[in-house]
N, C-alpha and C. Protein backbone atom coordinates (compact mmCIF):
# COMPACT_ATOMS: atom_id res chain seq x y z
N MET A 1 0.84 -1.19 0.00
CA MET A 1 0.00 0.00 0.00
C MET A 1 0.89 1.25 0.00
N GLU A 2 0.48 2.24 -0.78
CA GLU A 2 1.23 3.47 -0.87
C GLU A 2 1.12 4.26 0.43
N ASN A 3 2.18 5.00 0.72
CA ASN A 3 2.10 5.90 1.86
C ASN A 3 1.81 7.31 1.34
N ILE A 4 1.63 8.23 2.26
CA ILE A 4 1.24 9.59 1.87
C ILE A 4 2.34 10.25 1.04
N ASP A 5 3.60 9.96 1.29
CA ASP A 5 4.67 10.54 0.46
C ASP A 5 4.54 10.06 -0.99
N ASP A 6 4.15 8.79 -1.18
CA ASP A 6 3.92 8.27 -2.53
C ASP A 6 2.76 9.01 -3.20
N ILE A 7 1.70 9.24 -2.45
CA ILE A 7 0.53 9.95 -2.98
C ILE A 7 0.92 11.37 -3.37
N LYS A 8 1.70 12.04 -2.53
CA LYS A 8 2.16 13.40 -2.84
C LYS A 8 3.01 13.39 -4.11
N ARG A 9 3.87 12.40 -4.26
CA ARG A 9 4.70 12.29 -5.46
C ARG A 9 3.83 12.06 -6.69
N TYR A 10 2.80 11.24 -6.55
CA TYR A 10 1.86 11.00 -7.64
C TYR A 10 1.22 12.31 -8.10
N PHE A 11 0.78 13.13 -7.15
CA PHE A 11 0.11 14.37 -7.49
C PHE A 11 1.07 15.49 -7.87
N SER A 12 2.37 15.30 -7.71
CA SER A 12 3.32 16.30 -8.20
C SER A 12 3.30 16.36 -9.72
N GLN A 13 2.67 15.37 -10.36
CA GLN A 13 2.55 15.33 -11.81
C GLN A 13 1.37 16.16 -12.32
N GLN A 14 0.63 16.79 -11.44
CA GLN A 14 -0.59 17.54 -11.77
C GLN A 14 -0.22 18.78 -12.60
N ASN A 15 -0.21 18.66 -13.91
CA ASN A 15 0.26 19.73 -14.78
C ASN A 15 -0.64 20.95 -14.83
N PHE A 16 -1.93 20.79 -15.10
CA PHE A 16 -2.80 21.94 -15.30
C PHE A 16 -2.84 22.82 -14.06
N ALA A 17 -3.09 22.24 -12.93
CA ALA A 17 -3.21 23.02 -11.70
C ALA A 17 -1.88 23.68 -11.33
N SER A 18 -0.78 22.94 -11.42
CA SER A 18 0.50 23.55 -11.05
C SER A 18 0.88 24.65 -12.03
N ASN A 19 0.56 24.48 -13.30
CA ASN A 19 0.83 25.54 -14.29
C ASN A 19 -0.07 26.74 -14.07
N SER A 20 -1.13 26.57 -13.31
CA SER A 20 -2.05 27.66 -12.99
C SER A 20 -1.70 28.33 -11.66
N GLY A 21 -0.56 27.93 -11.07
CA GLY A 21 -0.10 28.55 -9.83
C GLY A 21 -0.70 27.97 -8.57
N MET A 22 -1.20 26.74 -8.66
CA MET A 22 -1.81 26.08 -7.50
C MET A 22 -0.88 25.03 -6.94
N LYS A 23 -0.94 24.82 -5.62
CA LYS A 23 -0.08 23.81 -5.01
C LYS A 23 -0.78 23.17 -3.82
N PHE A 24 -0.36 21.93 -3.53
CA PHE A 24 -0.87 21.23 -2.36
C PHE A 24 -0.09 21.67 -1.13
N THR A 25 -0.79 21.76 -0.01
CA THR A 25 -0.11 22.02 1.26
C THR A 25 -0.23 20.82 2.19
N ILE A 26 -1.33 20.07 2.06
CA ILE A 26 -1.54 18.87 2.90
C ILE A 26 -2.27 17.82 2.07
N ILE A 27 -1.81 16.57 2.18
CA ILE A 27 -2.56 15.43 1.66
C ILE A 27 -2.46 14.34 2.72
N SER A 28 -3.61 13.84 3.16
CA SER A 28 -3.65 12.70 4.06
C SER A 28 -4.86 11.85 3.66
N LYS A 29 -5.05 10.72 4.30
CA LYS A 29 -6.15 9.82 3.92
C LYS A 29 -7.49 10.53 4.01
N GLY A 30 -8.16 10.67 2.87
CA GLY A 30 -9.48 11.28 2.83
C GLY A 30 -9.51 12.79 3.01
N TYR A 31 -8.35 13.44 2.88
CA TYR A 31 -8.26 14.87 3.15
C TYR A 31 -7.18 15.48 2.27
N ALA A 32 -7.41 16.71 1.83
CA ALA A 32 -6.36 17.44 1.11
C ALA A 32 -6.63 18.93 1.23
N LYS A 33 -5.55 19.69 1.18
CA LYS A 33 -5.65 21.14 1.19
C LYS A 33 -4.72 21.67 0.11
N ALA A 34 -5.22 22.63 -0.65
CA ALA A 34 -4.44 23.25 -1.72
C ALA A 34 -4.62 24.76 -1.61
N GLU A 35 -3.71 25.49 -2.24
CA GLU A 35 -3.81 26.95 -2.18
C GLU A 35 -3.36 27.57 -3.49
N MET A 36 -3.74 28.83 -3.64
CA MET A 36 -3.41 29.58 -4.84
C MET A 36 -3.28 31.05 -4.47
N MET A 37 -2.16 31.66 -4.84
CA MET A 37 -2.00 33.10 -4.70
C MET A 37 -2.69 33.72 -5.91
N ILE A 38 -3.63 34.62 -5.69
CA ILE A 38 -4.37 35.23 -6.78
C ILE A 38 -3.45 36.15 -7.58
N GLU A 39 -3.42 35.91 -8.88
CA GLU A 39 -2.61 36.71 -9.81
C GLU A 39 -3.53 37.25 -10.89
N LYS A 40 -3.02 38.17 -11.69
CA LYS A 40 -3.83 38.77 -12.76
C LYS A 40 -4.41 37.69 -13.67
N ARG A 41 -3.67 36.62 -13.93
CA ARG A 41 -4.14 35.55 -14.82
C ARG A 41 -5.38 34.83 -14.30
N HIS A 42 -5.68 34.96 -13.02
CA HIS A 42 -6.84 34.30 -12.43
C HIS A 42 -8.11 35.15 -12.47
N LEU A 43 -7.98 36.41 -12.90
CA LEU A 43 -9.10 37.34 -12.83
C LEU A 43 -9.94 37.32 -14.10
N ASN A 44 -11.24 37.57 -13.92
CA ASN A 44 -12.14 37.71 -15.06
C ASN A 44 -12.23 39.18 -15.46
N VAL A 45 -13.08 39.50 -16.40
CA VAL A 45 -13.21 40.86 -16.90
C VAL A 45 -13.72 41.84 -15.83
N LEU A 46 -14.36 41.33 -14.79
CA LEU A 46 -14.86 42.16 -13.70
C LEU A 46 -13.79 42.45 -12.65
N GLY A 47 -12.62 41.80 -12.79
CA GLY A 47 -11.54 42.00 -11.83
C GLY A 47 -11.63 41.10 -10.61
N THR A 48 -12.50 40.08 -10.66
CA THR A 48 -12.59 39.11 -9.57
C THR A 48 -12.09 37.76 -10.08
N VAL A 49 -11.79 36.85 -9.16
CA VAL A 49 -11.27 35.54 -9.56
C VAL A 49 -12.30 34.81 -10.41
N HIS A 50 -11.85 34.33 -11.54
CA HIS A 50 -12.69 33.59 -12.49
C HIS A 50 -13.20 32.32 -11.82
N GLY A 51 -14.47 32.01 -12.06
CA GLY A 51 -15.06 30.80 -11.49
C GLY A 51 -14.31 29.54 -11.88
N GLY A 52 -13.75 29.50 -13.08
CA GLY A 52 -12.99 28.34 -13.52
C GLY A 52 -11.73 28.13 -12.70
N ALA A 53 -11.09 29.22 -12.27
CA ALA A 53 -9.89 29.11 -11.43
C ALA A 53 -10.27 28.56 -10.05
N ILE A 54 -11.39 29.04 -9.52
CA ILE A 54 -11.85 28.55 -8.21
C ILE A 54 -12.23 27.08 -8.32
N PHE A 55 -12.94 26.72 -9.39
CA PHE A 55 -13.33 25.32 -9.59
C PHE A 55 -12.09 24.43 -9.71
N THR A 56 -11.09 24.88 -10.45
CA THR A 56 -9.86 24.09 -10.62
C THR A 56 -9.17 23.86 -9.29
N LEU A 57 -9.08 24.89 -8.45
CA LEU A 57 -8.47 24.74 -7.14
C LEU A 57 -9.23 23.73 -6.30
N ALA A 58 -10.56 23.82 -6.30
CA ALA A 58 -11.39 22.88 -5.55
C ALA A 58 -11.25 21.46 -6.09
N ASP A 59 -11.26 21.34 -7.41
CA ASP A 59 -11.15 20.03 -8.05
C ASP A 59 -9.80 19.37 -7.76
N MET A 60 -8.77 20.17 -7.67
CA MET A 60 -7.44 19.67 -7.35
C MET A 60 -7.43 19.04 -5.94
N ALA A 61 -8.01 19.74 -4.98
CA ALA A 61 -8.08 19.21 -3.61
C ALA A 61 -8.95 17.96 -3.57
N PHE A 62 -10.09 17.99 -4.27
CA PHE A 62 -10.98 16.83 -4.36
C PHE A 62 -10.25 15.62 -4.94
N ALA A 63 -9.49 15.83 -6.01
CA ALA A 63 -8.77 14.72 -6.65
C ALA A 63 -7.77 14.09 -5.69
N ALA A 64 -7.04 14.92 -4.96
CA ALA A 64 -6.05 14.38 -4.03
C ALA A 64 -6.72 13.62 -2.89
N ALA A 65 -7.78 14.18 -2.32
CA ALA A 65 -8.47 13.50 -1.22
C ALA A 65 -9.08 12.19 -1.69
N SER A 66 -9.67 12.18 -2.87
CA SER A 66 -10.35 10.96 -3.34
C SER A 66 -9.38 9.88 -3.78
N ASN A 67 -8.18 10.25 -4.15
CA ASN A 67 -7.17 9.26 -4.55
C ASN A 67 -6.19 8.93 -3.41
N SER A 68 -6.37 9.54 -2.27
CA SER A 68 -5.41 9.41 -1.16
C SER A 68 -5.35 8.03 -0.55
N HIS A 69 -6.30 7.17 -0.89
CA HIS A 69 -6.28 5.80 -0.36
C HIS A 69 -5.43 4.87 -1.24
N GLY A 70 -4.87 5.43 -2.33
CA GLY A 70 -3.99 4.64 -3.20
C GLY A 70 -4.70 3.94 -4.34
N THR A 71 -6.01 4.07 -4.41
CA THR A 71 -6.82 3.49 -5.47
C THR A 71 -7.27 4.60 -6.41
N VAL A 72 -7.22 4.34 -7.71
CA VAL A 72 -7.65 5.35 -8.68
C VAL A 72 -9.12 5.71 -8.45
N ALA A 73 -9.37 7.00 -8.34
CA ALA A 73 -10.74 7.51 -8.22
C ALA A 73 -10.91 8.60 -9.28
N VAL A 74 -12.03 8.56 -9.97
CA VAL A 74 -12.32 9.57 -10.99
C VAL A 74 -13.65 10.24 -10.66
N ALA A 75 -13.75 11.51 -10.98
CA ALA A 75 -14.97 12.26 -10.69
C ALA A 75 -16.11 11.76 -11.56
N ILE A 76 -17.26 11.57 -10.93
CA ILE A 76 -18.47 11.26 -11.69
C ILE A 76 -19.52 12.35 -11.52
N ASN A 77 -19.30 13.23 -10.55
CA ASN A 77 -20.19 14.37 -10.39
C ASN A 77 -19.47 15.42 -9.57
N ALA A 78 -19.68 16.67 -9.93
CA ALA A 78 -19.14 17.78 -9.15
C ALA A 78 -20.01 19.00 -9.38
N ASP A 79 -20.22 19.76 -8.33
CA ASP A 79 -20.93 21.02 -8.46
C ASP A 79 -20.31 22.03 -7.52
N ILE A 80 -20.52 23.28 -7.83
CA ILE A 80 -19.93 24.34 -7.02
C ILE A 80 -20.93 25.48 -6.87
N SER A 81 -20.93 26.09 -5.71
CA SER A 81 -21.72 27.29 -5.45
C SER A 81 -20.74 28.40 -5.06
N TYR A 82 -20.82 29.50 -5.78
CA TYR A 82 -19.95 30.66 -5.50
C TYR A 82 -20.73 31.60 -4.59
N VAL A 83 -20.15 31.93 -3.44
CA VAL A 83 -20.89 32.73 -2.46
C VAL A 83 -20.24 34.07 -2.14
N LYS A 84 -19.00 34.28 -2.58
CA LYS A 84 -18.33 35.55 -2.31
C LYS A 84 -17.30 35.81 -3.41
N ALA A 85 -17.30 37.03 -3.93
CA ALA A 85 -16.30 37.41 -4.92
C ALA A 85 -15.02 37.82 -4.19
N VAL A 86 -13.88 37.55 -4.84
CA VAL A 86 -12.59 37.93 -4.27
C VAL A 86 -11.67 38.32 -5.42
N SER A 87 -10.77 39.26 -5.17
CA SER A 87 -9.92 39.72 -6.26
C SER A 87 -8.44 39.80 -5.90
N GLU A 88 -8.09 39.54 -4.65
CA GLU A 88 -6.67 39.58 -4.27
C GLU A 88 -6.43 38.67 -3.07
N GLY A 89 -5.16 38.41 -2.83
CA GLY A 89 -4.78 37.57 -1.70
C GLY A 89 -4.57 36.13 -2.10
N ARG A 90 -4.88 35.24 -1.18
CA ARG A 90 -4.66 33.81 -1.38
C ARG A 90 -5.97 33.08 -1.14
N LEU A 91 -6.20 32.03 -1.94
CA LEU A 91 -7.37 31.16 -1.75
C LEU A 91 -6.90 29.80 -1.28
N TYR A 92 -7.73 29.17 -0.46
CA TYR A 92 -7.45 27.84 0.07
C TYR A 92 -8.62 26.92 -0.24
N ALA A 93 -8.33 25.70 -0.61
CA ALA A 93 -9.36 24.69 -0.84
C ALA A 93 -9.09 23.53 0.11
N GLU A 94 -10.06 23.20 0.94
CA GLU A 94 -9.94 22.12 1.91
C GLU A 94 -10.97 21.05 1.59
N ALA A 95 -10.49 19.88 1.18
CA ALA A 95 -11.36 18.76 0.81
C ALA A 95 -11.47 17.79 1.98
N ILE A 96 -12.71 17.46 2.32
CA ILE A 96 -12.97 16.53 3.43
C ILE A 96 -13.86 15.40 2.93
N GLU A 97 -13.41 14.19 3.15
CA GLU A 97 -14.19 13.00 2.77
C GLU A 97 -15.40 12.89 3.68
N THR A 98 -16.58 12.76 3.05
CA THR A 98 -17.80 12.64 3.85
C THR A 98 -18.37 11.23 3.84
N SER A 99 -18.02 10.44 2.81
CA SER A 99 -18.41 9.03 2.80
C SER A 99 -17.50 8.28 1.83
N ILE A 100 -17.34 6.99 2.11
CA ILE A 100 -16.52 6.15 1.23
C ILE A 100 -17.03 4.72 1.32
N ASN A 101 -17.10 4.06 0.18
CA ASN A 101 -17.37 2.63 0.12
C ASN A 101 -16.53 2.07 -1.02
N PRO A 102 -16.59 0.78 -1.30
CA PRO A 102 -15.70 0.24 -2.32
C PRO A 102 -15.82 0.88 -3.71
N LYS A 103 -16.96 1.46 -4.06
CA LYS A 103 -17.12 2.02 -5.40
C LYS A 103 -17.29 3.53 -5.45
N ILE A 104 -17.88 4.14 -4.44
CA ILE A 104 -18.23 5.56 -4.47
C ILE A 104 -17.69 6.26 -3.22
N SER A 105 -17.19 7.47 -3.42
CA SER A 105 -16.79 8.31 -2.29
C SER A 105 -17.29 9.73 -2.54
N THR A 106 -17.56 10.47 -1.46
CA THR A 106 -18.05 11.83 -1.60
C THR A 106 -17.21 12.78 -0.75
N TYR A 107 -17.16 14.03 -1.22
CA TYR A 107 -16.29 15.05 -0.60
C TYR A 107 -16.96 16.40 -0.64
N VAL A 108 -16.70 17.19 0.39
CA VAL A 108 -17.05 18.60 0.41
C VAL A 108 -15.74 19.36 0.41
N VAL A 109 -15.66 20.36 -0.46
CA VAL A 109 -14.47 21.21 -0.52
C VAL A 109 -14.91 22.64 -0.26
N ASN A 110 -14.38 23.21 0.82
CA ASN A 110 -14.64 24.62 1.11
C ASN A 110 -13.47 25.44 0.59
N ILE A 111 -13.79 26.46 -0.20
CA ILE A 111 -12.78 27.37 -0.71
C ILE A 111 -12.93 28.64 0.11
N THR A 112 -11.83 29.04 0.75
CA THR A 112 -11.86 30.20 1.63
C THR A 112 -10.80 31.21 1.22
N ASP A 113 -11.01 32.46 1.67
CA ASP A 113 -10.02 33.51 1.44
C ASP A 113 -9.10 33.61 2.65
N GLU A 114 -8.24 34.60 2.66
CA GLU A 114 -7.26 34.75 3.75
C GLU A 114 -7.90 35.05 5.10
N GLU A 115 -9.11 35.61 5.08
CA GLU A 115 -9.81 35.90 6.33
C GLU A 115 -10.59 34.69 6.84
N GLY A 116 -10.60 33.61 6.06
CA GLY A 116 -11.34 32.42 6.45
C GLY A 116 -12.78 32.43 5.99
N ASP A 117 -13.17 33.45 5.22
CA ASP A 117 -14.54 33.52 4.70
C ASP A 117 -14.71 32.53 3.56
N ILE A 118 -15.87 31.91 3.51
CA ILE A 118 -16.19 30.97 2.42
C ILE A 118 -16.37 31.76 1.12
N VAL A 119 -15.64 31.35 0.09
CA VAL A 119 -15.75 31.93 -1.24
C VAL A 119 -16.63 31.04 -2.11
N ALA A 120 -16.48 29.73 -1.94
CA ALA A 120 -17.28 28.77 -2.72
C ALA A 120 -17.35 27.44 -1.97
N ILE A 121 -18.38 26.67 -2.31
CA ILE A 121 -18.56 25.34 -1.73
C ILE A 121 -18.70 24.36 -2.89
N PHE A 122 -17.83 23.37 -2.92
CA PHE A 122 -17.75 22.37 -3.98
C PHE A 122 -18.13 21.02 -3.40
N ASN A 123 -18.96 20.28 -4.10
CA ASN A 123 -19.30 18.91 -3.72
C ASN A 123 -18.84 17.99 -4.85
N GLY A 124 -18.13 16.93 -4.49
CA GLY A 124 -17.64 16.01 -5.50
C GLY A 124 -17.94 14.56 -5.14
N MET A 125 -18.23 13.77 -6.15
CA MET A 125 -18.44 12.34 -5.99
C MET A 125 -17.47 11.62 -6.90
N GLY A 126 -16.76 10.64 -6.33
CA GLY A 126 -15.78 9.90 -7.10
C GLY A 126 -16.15 8.44 -7.25
N TYR A 127 -15.80 7.90 -8.41
CA TYR A 127 -15.94 6.46 -8.64
C TYR A 127 -14.59 5.84 -8.38
N ARG A 128 -14.55 4.86 -7.47
CA ARG A 128 -13.30 4.23 -7.06
C ARG A 128 -13.07 2.97 -7.90
N LYS A 129 -12.06 3.05 -8.75
CA LYS A 129 -11.73 1.92 -9.60
C LYS A 129 -10.91 0.90 -8.81
N LYS A 130 -10.70 -0.26 -9.38
CA LYS A 130 -9.96 -1.31 -8.68
C LYS A 130 -8.45 -1.16 -8.79
N ASN A 131 -7.98 -0.46 -9.84
CA ASN A 131 -6.52 -0.37 -10.03
C ASN A 131 -5.88 0.64 -9.07
N ARG A 132 -4.63 0.36 -8.75
CA ARG A 132 -3.85 1.20 -7.85
C ARG A 132 -3.28 2.39 -8.62
N LEU A 133 -2.94 3.44 -7.92
CA LEU A 133 -2.29 4.59 -8.55
C LEU A 133 -0.93 4.19 -9.11
N ALA A 134 -0.56 4.75 -10.22
CA ALA A 134 0.77 4.52 -10.82
C ALA A 134 1.73 5.54 -10.21
N ILE A 135 2.35 5.15 -9.13
CA ILE A 135 3.26 6.05 -8.40
C ILE A 135 4.58 6.16 -9.16
N PRO A 136 5.03 7.38 -9.46
CA PRO A 136 6.31 7.53 -10.17
C PRO A 136 7.49 7.13 -9.27
N GLU A 137 8.55 6.70 -9.89
CA GLU A 137 9.77 6.36 -9.14
C GLU A 137 10.32 7.61 -8.47
N LYS A 138 11.04 7.39 -7.40
CA LYS A 138 11.65 8.50 -6.65
C LYS A 138 12.77 9.13 -7.44
């Protein structure tokens, strides 16, 4: 069975999110936290963080939490509610496993700003496949 360092190494391959300035701060069994420093590239025409950037940050945390058991998990449903606009500072996404069984797992991801205010709430459901994660060599 993979350990958390293996899982972190697996997710170091996350190209889209890392190229978007996002990074993991914590990954443990059924839990993950990621963050993003807001930059001009994350803003929409209104000068606030684009919903797609917020969704990507939440999805990144969801992916790590749902795969943290060492078994491949893929999203089968995800939704997000945006509750506060933000245009500067840092955003945090905290994914918490709410249920898990051999085939399905569910997660709530709260996206917060630097003051701890909720910016968005993401719900994700993962399908747990039988194959193990392909952990890269050290």
